[in-house]
Amino acid sequence: MLELITISNISGTWYLNKAIVNPQHIALVVPSNEHNTLMMEGKINLGLDPQVTFSKIKMAAISGFTELIVVGSPYMILEKIGKNTKQLLKG
């Protein structure tokens, strides 16, 4: 399982949350240009470093939900996925 930090906007207020997802259910990871622009414009006020970036994760239909906006670049997310899917060799 993979722990990610997500953001959400409820009634104009931004929130950070933790989500634990099955990495095998991730179908696509792309930059979230909309959220990155809002962050650069100072419209997402979460106390994060101004250089932080966001990614959009599309989930497979089997997961029960379709999309998450997470803290981190697509490269960082894919790196986390790679670390969590390594298996020990039998020997």
PDB file of N, CA and C in Angstrom:
ATOM      1  N   MET A   1       0.844  -1.177   0.000  1.00  0.00           N
ATOM      2  CA  MET A   1       0.000   0.000   0.000  1.00  0.00           C
ATOM      3  C   MET A   1       0.892   1.244   0.000  1.00  0.00           C
ATOM      4  N   LEU A   2       0.317   2.329  -0.475  1.00  0.00           N
ATOM      5  CA  LEU A   2       1.066   3.555  -0.669  1.00  0.00           C
ATOM      6  C   LEU A   2       0.341   4.708   0.023  1.00  0.00           C
ATOM      7  N   GLU A   3       1.044   5.428   0.899  1.00  0.00           N
ATOM      8  CA  GLU A   3       0.447   6.578   1.583  1.00  0.00           C
ATOM      9  C   GLU A   3       0.785   7.852   0.823  1.00  0.00           C
ATOM     10  N   LEU A   4      -0.254   8.612   0.474  1.00  0.00           N
ATOM     11  CA  LEU A   4      -0.093   9.861  -0.253  1.00  0.00           C
ATOM     12  C   LEU A   4      -0.775  10.990   0.504  1.00  0.00           C
ATOM     13  N   ILE A   5      -0.296  12.208   0.310  1.00  0.00           N
ATOM     14  CA  ILE A   5      -0.931  13.396   0.883  1.00  0.00           C
ATOM     15  C   ILE A   5      -1.786  14.013  -0.223  1.00  0.00           C
ATOM     16  N   THR A   6      -3.076  14.148   0.038  1.00  0.00           N
ATOM     17  CA  THR A   6      -3.997  14.705  -0.946  1.00  0.00           C
ATOM     18  C   THR A   6      -4.444  16.095  -0.508  1.00  0.00           C
ATOM     19  N   ILE A   7      -4.958  16.856  -1.477  1.00  0.00           N
ATOM     20  CA  ILE A   7      -5.571  18.138  -1.156  1.00  0.00           C
ATOM     21  C   ILE A   7      -7.013  18.115  -1.635  1.00  0.00           C
ATOM     22  N   SER A   8      -7.843  18.863  -0.945  1.00  0.00           N
ATOM     23  CA  SER A   8      -9.240  18.990  -1.355  1.00  0.00           C
ATOM     24  C   SER A   8      -9.733  20.384  -0.989  1.00  0.00           C
ATOM     25  N   ASN A   9     -10.741  20.830  -1.715  1.00  0.00           N
ATOM     26  CA  ASN A   9     -11.313  22.148  -1.503  1.00  0.00           C
ATOM     27  C   ASN A   9     -12.780  21.969  -1.139  1.00  0.00           C
ATOM     28  N   ILE A  10     -13.124  22.374   0.070  1.00  0.00           N
ATOM     29  CA  ILE A  10     -14.510  22.284   0.533  1.00  0.00           C
ATOM     30  C   ILE A  10     -14.966  23.688   0.896  1.00  0.00           C
ATOM     31  N   SER A  11     -15.949  24.163   0.155  1.00  0.00           N
ATOM     32  CA  SER A  11     -16.526  25.501   0.375  1.00  0.00           C
ATOM     33  C   SER A  11     -15.463  26.598   0.399  1.00  0.00           C
ATOM     34  N   GLY A  12     -14.494  26.502  -0.504  1.00  0.00           N
ATOM     35  CA  GLY A  12     -13.479  27.546  -0.613  1.00  0.00           C
ATOM     36  C   GLY A  12     -12.302  27.410   0.326  1.00  0.00           C
ATOM     37  N   THR A  13     -12.298  26.394   1.179  1.00  0.00           N
ATOM     38  CA  THR A  13     -11.193  26.164   2.111  1.00  0.00           C
ATOM     39  C   THR A  13     -10.429  24.912   1.676  1.00  0.00           C
ATOM     40  N   TRP A  14      -9.113  25.039   1.600  1.00  0.00           N
ATOM     41  CA  TRP A  14      -8.261  23.916   1.193  1.00  0.00           C
ATOM     42  C   TRP A  14      -7.854  23.088   2.407  1.00  0.00           C
ATOM     43  N   TYR A  15      -7.802  21.768   2.220  1.00  0.00           N
ATOM     44  CA  TYR A  15      -7.436  20.831   3.283  1.00  0.00           C
ATOM     45  C   TYR A  15      -6.403  19.833   2.776  1.00  0.00           C
ATOM     46  N   LEU A  16      -5.506  19.425   3.682  1.00  0.00           N
ATOM     47  CA  LEU A  16      -4.578  18.319   3.435  1.00  0.00           C
ATOM     48  C   LEU A  16      -5.151  17.070   4.095  1.00  0.00           C
ATOM     49  N   ASN A  17      -5.014  15.940   3.420  1.00  0.00           N
ATOM     50  CA  ASN A  17      -5.480  14.663   3.956  1.00  0.00           C
ATOM     51  C   ASN A  17      -4.477  13.579   3.594  1.00  0.00           C
ATOM     52  N   LYS A  18      -4.551  12.464   4.284  1.00  0.00           N
ATOM     53  CA  LYS A  18      -3.758  11.297   3.921  1.00  0.00           C
ATOM     54  C   LYS A  18      -4.673  10.295   3.230  1.00  0.00           C
ATOM     55  N   ALA A  19      -4.144   9.667   2.198  1.00  0.00           N
ATOM     56  CA  ALA A  19      -4.877   8.598   1.518  1.00  0.00           C
ATOM     57  C   ALA A  19      -3.932   7.420   1.364  1.00  0.00           C
ATOM     58  N   ILE A  20      -4.445   6.252   1.609  1.00  0.00           N
ATOM     59  CA  ILE A  20      -3.664   5.038   1.411  1.00  0.00           C
ATOM     60  C   ILE A  20      -4.291   4.298   0.242  1.00  0.00           C
ATOM     61  N   VAL A  21      -3.500   4.115  -0.816  1.00  0.00           N
ATOM     62  CA  VAL A  21      -4.015   3.499  -2.034  1.00  0.00           C
ATOM     63  C   VAL A  21      -3.200   2.271  -2.406  1.00  0.00           C
ATOM     64  N   ASN A  22      -3.842   1.399  -3.143  1.00  0.00           N
ATOM     65  CA  ASN A  22      -3.162   0.239  -3.698  1.00  0.00           C
ATOM     66  C   ASN A  22      -2.447   0.707  -4.960  1.00  0.00           C
ATOM     67  N   PRO A  23      -1.119   0.655  -5.015  1.00  0.00           N
ATOM     68  CA  PRO A  23      -0.402   1.158  -6.190  1.00  0.00           C
ATOM     69  C   PRO A  23      -0.770   0.421  -7.479  1.00  0.00           C
ATOM     70  N   GLN A  24      -1.274  -0.795  -7.361  1.00  0.00           N
ATOM     71  CA  GLN A  24      -1.665  -1.542  -8.548  1.00  0.00           C
ATOM     72  C   GLN A  24      -2.941  -0.983  -9.172  1.00  0.00           C
ATOM     73  N   HIS A  25      -3.667  -0.130  -8.445  1.00  0.00           N
ATOM     74  CA  HIS A  25      -4.892   0.471  -8.968  1.00  0.00           C
ATOM     75  C   HIS A  25      -4.650   1.836  -9.622  1.00  0.00           C
ATOM     76  N   ILE A  26      -3.403   2.310  -9.594  1.00  0.00           N
ATOM     77  CA  ILE A  26      -3.087   3.596 -10.220  1.00  0.00           C
ATOM     78  C   ILE A  26      -2.923   3.385 -11.714  1.00  0.00           C
ATOM     79  N   ALA A  27      -3.739   4.126 -12.492  1.00  0.00           N
ATOM     80  CA  ALA A  27      -3.707   3.982 -13.939  1.00  0.00           C
ATOM     81  C   ALA A  27      -2.859   5.066 -14.610  1.00  0.00           C
ATOM     82  N   LEU A  28      -2.802   6.271 -14.015  1.00  0.00           N
ATOM     83  CA  LEU A  28      -2.138   7.394 -14.664  1.00  0.00           C
ATOM     84  C   LEU A  28      -1.709   8.417 -13.618  1.00  0.00           C
ATOM     85  N   VAL A  29      -0.521   8.988 -13.801  1.00  0.00           N
ATOM     86  CA  VAL A  29      -0.039  10.080 -12.944  1.00  0.00           C
ATOM     87  C   VAL A  29       0.439  11.201 -13.861  1.00  0.00           C
ATOM     88  N   VAL A  30      -0.198  12.379 -13.742  1.00  0.00           N
ATOM     89  CA  VAL A  30       0.157  13.537 -14.573  1.00  0.00           C
ATOM     90  C   VAL A  30       0.225  14.782 -13.695  1.00  0.00           C
ATOM     91  N   PRO A  31       0.940  15.824 -14.150  1.00  0.00           N
ATOM     92  CA  PRO A  31       0.942  17.073 -13.389  1.00  0.00           C
ATOM     93  C   PRO A  31      -0.480  17.645 -13.327  1.00  0.00           C
ATOM     94  N   SER A  32      -0.835  18.245 -12.212  1.00  0.00           N
ATOM     95  CA  SER A  32      -2.126  18.923 -12.090  1.00  0.00           C
ATOM     96  C   SER A  32      -1.888  20.407 -12.350  1.00  0.00           C
ATOM     97  N   ASN A  33      -1.905  20.768 -13.622  1.00  0.00           N
ATOM     98  CA  ASN A  33      -1.585  22.146 -14.012  1.00  0.00           C
ATOM     99  C   ASN A  33      -2.510  23.155 -13.356  1.00  0.00           C
ATOM    100  N   GLU A  34      -3.781  22.818 -13.234  1.00  0.00           N
ATOM    101  CA  GLU A  34      -4.748  23.724 -12.601  1.00  0.00           C
ATOM    102  C   GLU A  34      -4.340  24.047 -11.164  1.00  0.00           C
ATOM    103  N   HIS A  35      -4.012  23.023 -10.395  1.00  0.00           N
ATOM    104  CA  HIS A  35      -3.645  23.215  -8.992  1.00  0.00           C
ATOM    105  C   HIS A  35      -2.264  23.863  -8.859  1.00  0.00           C
ATOM    106  N   ASN A  36      -1.347  23.535  -9.772  1.00  0.00           N
ATOM    107  CA  ASN A  36      -0.023  24.170  -9.744  1.00  0.00           C
ATOM    108  C   ASN A  36      -0.152  25.669 -10.011  1.00  0.00           C
ATOM    109  N   THR A  37      -1.042  26.058 -10.928  1.00  0.00           N
ATOM    110  CA  THR A  37      -1.273  27.475 -11.213  1.00  0.00           C
ATOM    111  C   THR A  37      -1.898  28.169 -10.005  1.00  0.00           C
ATOM    112  N   LEU A  38      -2.893  27.535  -9.391  1.00  0.00           N
ATOM    113  CA  LEU A  38      -3.520  28.114  -8.195  1.00  0.00           C
ATOM    114  C   LEU A  38      -2.497  28.309  -7.082  1.00  0.00           C
ATOM    115  N   MET A  39      -1.582  27.365  -6.944  1.00  0.00           N
ATOM    116  CA  MET A  39      -0.543  27.468  -5.909  1.00  0.00           C
ATOM    117  C   MET A  39       0.384  28.656  -6.201  1.00  0.00           C
ATOM    118  N   MET A  40       0.796  28.797  -7.476  1.00  0.00           N
ATOM    119  CA  MET A  40       1.681  29.910  -7.849  1.00  0.00           C
ATOM    120  C   MET A  40       0.993  31.262  -7.657  1.00  0.00           C
ATOM    121  N   GLU A  41      -0.323  31.298  -7.829  1.00  0.00           N
ATOM    122  CA  GLU A  41      -1.082  32.536  -7.654  1.00  0.00           C
ATOM    123  C   GLU A  41      -1.409  32.812  -6.187  1.00  0.00           C
ATOM    124  N   GLY A  42      -1.035  31.886  -5.294  1.00  0.00           N
ATOM    125  CA  GLY A  42      -1.288  32.062  -3.871  1.00  0.00           C
ATOM    126  C   GLY A  42      -2.721  31.766  -3.459  1.00  0.00           C
ATOM    127  N   LYS A  43      -3.446  31.036  -4.285  1.00  0.00           N
ATOM    128  CA  LYS A  43      -4.851  30.749  -3.996  1.00  0.00           C
ATOM    129  C   LYS A  43      -5.054  29.447  -3.222  1.00  0.00           C
ATOM    130  N   ILE A  44      -4.000  28.667  -3.084  1.00  0.00           N
ATOM    131  CA  ILE A  44      -4.053  27.473  -2.241  1.00  0.00           C
ATOM    132  C   ILE A  44      -3.198  27.770  -1.022  1.00  0.00           C
ATOM    133  N   ASN A  45      -3.851  28.030   0.111  1.00  0.00           N
ATOM    134  CA  ASN A  45      -3.154  28.441   1.321  1.00  0.00           C
ATOM    135  C   ASN A  45      -3.148  27.280   2.311  1.00  0.00           C
ATOM    136  N   LEU A  46      -2.096  26.471   2.239  1.00  0.00           N
ATOM    137  CA  LEU A  46      -1.970  25.315   3.131  1.00  0.00           C
ATOM    138  C   LEU A  46      -0.699  25.362   3.960  1.00  0.00           C
ATOM    139  N   GLY A  47       0.057  26.454   3.854  1.00  0.00           N
ATOM    140  CA  GLY A  47       1.310  26.553   4.590  1.00  0.00           C
ATOM    141  C   GLY A  47       2.421  25.706   3.998  1.00  0.00           C
ATOM    142  N   LEU A  48       2.267  25.309   2.732  1.00  0.00           N
ATOM    143  CA  LEU A  48       3.286  24.511   2.064  1.00  0.00           C
ATOM    144  C   LEU A  48       4.330  25.413   1.426  1.00  0.00           C
ATOM    145  N   ASP A  49       5.485  24.855   1.146  1.00  0.00           N
ATOM    146  CA  ASP A  49       6.528  25.570   0.417  1.00  0.00           C
ATOM    147  C   ASP A  49       5.949  26.047  -0.915  1.00  0.00           C
ATOM    148  N   PRO A  50       6.203  27.289  -1.304  1.00  0.00           N
ATOM    149  CA  PRO A  50       5.642  27.810  -2.556  1.00  0.00           C
ATOM    150  C   PRO A  50       6.101  27.051  -3.807  1.00  0.00           C
ATOM    151  N   GLN A  51       7.183  26.292  -3.684  1.00  0.00           N
ATOM    152  CA  GLN A  51       7.705  25.540  -4.827  1.00  0.00           C
ATOM    153  C   GLN A  51       7.067  24.157  -4.976  1.00  0.00           C
ATOM    154  N   VAL A  52       6.165  23.790  -4.066  1.00  0.00           N
ATOM    155  CA  VAL A  52       5.552  22.467  -4.114  1.00  0.00           C
ATOM    156  C   VAL A  52       4.723  22.333  -5.395  1.00  0.00           C
ATOM    157  N   THR A  53       4.652  21.118  -5.907  1.00  0.00           N
ATOM    158  CA  THR A  53       3.832  20.846  -7.080  1.00  0.00           C
ATOM    159  C   THR A  53       2.808  19.774  -6.739  1.00  0.00           C
ATOM    160  N   PHE A  54       1.784  19.692  -7.580  1.00  0.00           N
ATOM    161  CA  PHE A  54       0.707  18.727  -7.374  1.00  0.00           C
ATOM    162  C   PHE A  54       0.572  17.835  -8.597  1.00  0.00           C
ATOM    163  N   SER A  55       0.112  16.620  -8.350  1.00  0.00           N
ATOM    164  CA  SER A  55      -0.135  15.661  -9.423  1.00  0.00           C
ATOM    165  C   SER A  55      -1.564  15.166  -9.345  1.00  0.00           C
ATOM    166  N   LYS A  56      -2.076  14.797 -10.500  1.00  0.00           N
ATOM    167  CA  LYS A  56      -3.402  14.191 -10.594  1.00  0.00           C
ATOM    168  C   LYS A  56      -3.193  12.695 -10.815  1.00  0.00           C
ATOM    169  N   ILE A  57      -3.792  11.905  -9.945  1.00  0.00           N
ATOM    170  CA  ILE A  57      -3.696  10.452 -10.068  1.00  0.00           C
ATOM    171  C   ILE A  57      -5.050   9.919 -10.496  1.00  0.00           C
ATOM    172  N   LYS A  58      -5.064   9.231 -11.627  1.00  0.00           N
ATOM    173  CA  LYS A  58      -6.278   8.574 -12.104  1.00  0.00           C
ATOM    174  C   LYS A  58      -6.213   7.127 -11.640  1.00  0.00           C
ATOM    175  N   MET A  59      -7.290   6.700 -11.013  1.00  0.00           N
ATOM    176  CA  MET A  59      -7.351   5.349 -10.466  1.00  0.00           C
ATOM    177  C   MET A  59      -8.141   4.437 -11.404  1.00  0.00           C
ATOM    178  N   ALA A  60      -7.831   3.168 -11.375  1.00  0.00           N
ATOM    179  CA  ALA A  60      -8.605   2.178 -12.120  1.00  0.00           C
ATOM    180  C   ALA A  60     -10.005   2.107 -11.519  1.00  0.00           C
ATOM    181  N   ALA A  61     -10.984   1.780 -12.346  1.00  0.00           N
ATOM    182  CA  ALA A  61     -12.378   1.738 -11.904  1.00  0.00           C
ATOM    183  C   ALA A  61     -12.585   0.794 -10.723  1.00  0.00           C
ATOM    184  N   ILE A  62     -11.798  -0.236 -10.608  1.00  0.00           N
ATOM    185  CA  ILE A  62     -11.937  -1.225  -9.530  1.00  0.00           C
ATOM    186  C   ILE A  62     -11.709  -0.604  -8.151  1.00  0.00           C
ATOM    187  N   SER A  63     -11.006   0.529  -8.094  1.00  0.00           N
ATOM    188  CA  SER A  63     -10.661   1.136  -6.805  1.00  0.00           C
ATOM    189  C   SER A  63     -11.850   1.807  -6.122  1.00  0.00           C
ATOM    190  N   GLY A  64     -12.905   2.123  -6.878  1.00  0.00           N
ATOM    191  CA  GLY A  64     -14.082   2.732  -6.281  1.00  0.00           C
ATOM    192  C   GLY A  64     -14.122   4.243  -6.386  1.00  0.00           C
ATOM    193  N   PHE A  65     -13.015   4.883  -6.771  1.00  0.00           N
ATOM    194  CA  PHE A  65     -13.022   6.324  -7.021  1.00  0.00           C
ATOM    195  C   PHE A  65     -12.114   6.588  -8.203  1.00  0.00           C
ATOM    196  N   THR A  66     -12.223   7.762  -8.802  1.00  0.00           N
ATOM    197  CA  THR A  66     -11.549   7.964 -10.076  1.00  0.00           C
ATOM    198  C   THR A  66     -10.300   8.835 -10.027  1.00  0.00           C
ATOM    199  N   GLU A  67     -10.245   9.813  -9.128  1.00  0.00           N
ATOM    200  CA  GLU A  67      -9.162  10.779  -9.214  1.00  0.00           C
ATOM    201  C   GLU A  67      -8.771  11.331  -7.845  1.00  0.00           C
ATOM    202  N   LEU A  68      -7.465  11.559  -7.674  1.00  0.00           N
ATOM    203  CA  LEU A  68      -6.932  12.210  -6.477  1.00  0.00           C
ATOM    204  C   LEU A  68      -5.978  13.307  -6.921  1.00  0.00           C
ATOM    205  N   ILE A  69      -5.945  14.403  -6.169  1.00  0.00           N
ATOM    206  CA  ILE A  69      -4.926  15.429  -6.354  1.00  0.00           C
ATOM    207  C   ILE A  69      -3.969  15.279  -5.176  1.00  0.00           C
ATOM    208  N   VAL A  70      -2.705  15.001  -5.482  1.00  0.00           N
ATOM    209  CA  VAL A  70      -1.743  14.704  -4.429  1.00  0.00           C
ATOM    210  C   VAL A  70      -0.574  15.682  -4.455  1.00  0.00           C
ATOM    211  N   VAL A  71       0.078  15.826  -3.315  1.00  0.00           N
ATOM    212  CA  VAL A  71       1.255  16.683  -3.186  1.00  0.00           C
ATOM    213  C   VAL A  71       2.451  15.927  -3.751  1.00  0.00           C
ATOM    214  N   GLY A  72       3.159  16.582  -4.673  1.00  0.00           N
ATOM    215  CA  GLY A  72       4.353  15.991  -5.274  1.00  0.00           C
ATOM    216  C   GLY A  72       4.248  15.919  -6.786  1.00  0.00           C
ATOM    217  N   SER A  73       5.398  15.914  -7.429  1.00  0.00           N
ATOM    218  CA  SER A  73       5.447  15.821  -8.885  1.00  0.00           C
ATOM    219  C   SER A  73       5.153  14.381  -9.321  1.00  0.00           C
ATOM    220  N   PRO A  74       4.765  14.186 -10.582  1.00  0.00           N
ATOM    221  CA  PRO A  74       4.556  12.820 -11.066  1.00  0.00           C
ATOM    222  C   PRO A  74       5.792  11.943 -10.853  1.00  0.00           C
ATOM    223  N   TYR A  75       6.984  12.511 -11.066  1.00  0.00           N
ATOM    224  CA  TYR A  75       8.209  11.756 -10.863  1.00  0.00           C
ATOM    225  C   TYR A  75       8.337  11.279  -9.416  1.00  0.00           C
ATOM    226  N   MET A  76       8.039  12.170  -8.464  1.00  0.00           N
ATOM    227  CA  MET A  76       8.120  11.806  -7.042  1.00  0.00           C
ATOM    228  C   MET A  76       7.116  10.704  -6.702  1.00  0.00           C
ATOM    229  N   ILE A  77       5.915  10.806  -7.259  1.00  0.00           N
ATOM    230  CA  ILE A  77       4.891   9.798  -6.991  1.00  0.00           C
ATOM    231  C   ILE A  77       5.316   8.457  -7.574  1.00  0.00           C
ATOM    232  N   LEU A  78       5.805   8.456  -8.808  1.00  0.00           N
ATOM    233  CA  LEU A  78       6.253   7.214  -9.433  1.00  0.00           C
ATOM    234  C   LEU A  78       7.429   6.605  -8.679  1.00  0.00           C
ATOM    235  N   GLU A  79       8.295   7.459  -8.140  1.00  0.00           N
ATOM    236  CA  GLU A  79       9.417   6.983  -7.334  1.00  0.00           C
ATOM    237  C   GLU A  79       8.900   6.273  -6.070  1.00  0.00           C
ATOM    238  N   LYS A  80       7.876   6.868  -5.428  1.00  0.00           N
ATOM    239  CA  LYS A  80       7.271   6.248  -4.249  1.00  0.00           C
ATOM    240  C   LYS A  80       6.631   4.910  -4.595  1.00  0.00           C
ATOM    241  N   ILE A  81       5.971   4.855  -5.736  1.00  0.00           N
ATOM    242  CA  ILE A  81       5.338   3.609  -6.173  1.00  0.00           C
ATOM    243  C   ILE A  81       6.403   2.534  -6.366  1.00  0.00           C
ATOM    244  N   GLY A  82       7.514   2.912  -6.996  1.00  0.00           N
ATOM    245  CA  GLY A  82       8.603   1.955  -7.239  1.00  0.00           C
ATOM    246  C   GLY A  82       9.188   1.408  -5.961  1.00  0.00           C
ATOM    247  N   LYS A  83       9.330   2.263  -4.936  1.00  0.00           N
ATOM    248  CA  LYS A  83       9.882   1.813  -3.657  1.00  0.00           C
ATOM    249  C   LYS A  83       8.936   0.860  -2.946  1.00  0.00           C
ATOM    250  N   ASN A  84       7.630   1.032  -3.155  1.00  0.00           N
ATOM    251  CA  ASN A  84       6.655   0.202  -2.463  1.00  0.00           C
ATOM    252  C   ASN A  84       6.330  -1.092  -3.192  1.00  0.00           C
ATOM    253  N   THR A  85       6.776  -1.223  -4.431  1.00  0.00           N
ATOM    254  CA  THR A  85       6.434  -2.433  -5.169  1.00  0.00           C
ATOM    255  C   THR A  85       7.624  -3.373  -5.352  1.00  0.00           C
ATOM    256  N   LYS A  86       8.766  -3.021  -4.780  1.00  0.00           N
ATOM    257  CA  LYS A  86       9.906  -3.919  -4.855  1.00  0.00           C
ATOM    258  C   LYS A  86       9.637  -5.170  -4.031  1.00  0.00           C
ATOM    259  N   GLN A  87      10.093  -6.303  -4.557  1.00  0.00           N
ATOM    260  CA  GLN A  87       9.866  -7.563  -3.859  1.00  0.00           C
ATOM    261  C   GLN A  87      11.218  -8.220  -3.547  1.00  0.00           C
ATOM    262  N   LEU A  88      11.231  -8.971  -2.494  1.00  0.00           N
ATOM    263  CA  LEU A  88      12.439  -9.710  -2.151  1.00  0.00           C
ATOM    264  C   LEU A  88      12.595 -10.888  -3.076  1.00  0.00           C
ATOM    265  N   LEU A  89      13.839 -11.146  -3.449  1.00  0.00           N
ATOM    266  CA  LEU A  89      14.105 -12.320  -4.285  1.00  0.00           C
ATOM    267  C   LEU A  89      14.134 -13.549  -3.414  1.00  0.00           C
ATOM    268  N   LYS A  90      13.560 -14.602  -3.910  1.00  0.00           N
ATOM    269  CA  LYS A  90      13.617 -15.871  -3.176  1.00  0.00           C
ATOM    270  C   LYS A  90      14.942 -16.522  -3.482  1.00  0.00           C
ATOM    271  N   GLY A  91      15.572 -17.075  -2.461  1.00  0.00           N
ATOM    272  CA  GLY A  91      16.876 -17.647  -2.762  1.00  0.00           C
ATOM    273  C   GLY A  91      17.274 -18.733  -1.888  1.00  0.00           C
TER     274      GLY A  91
END
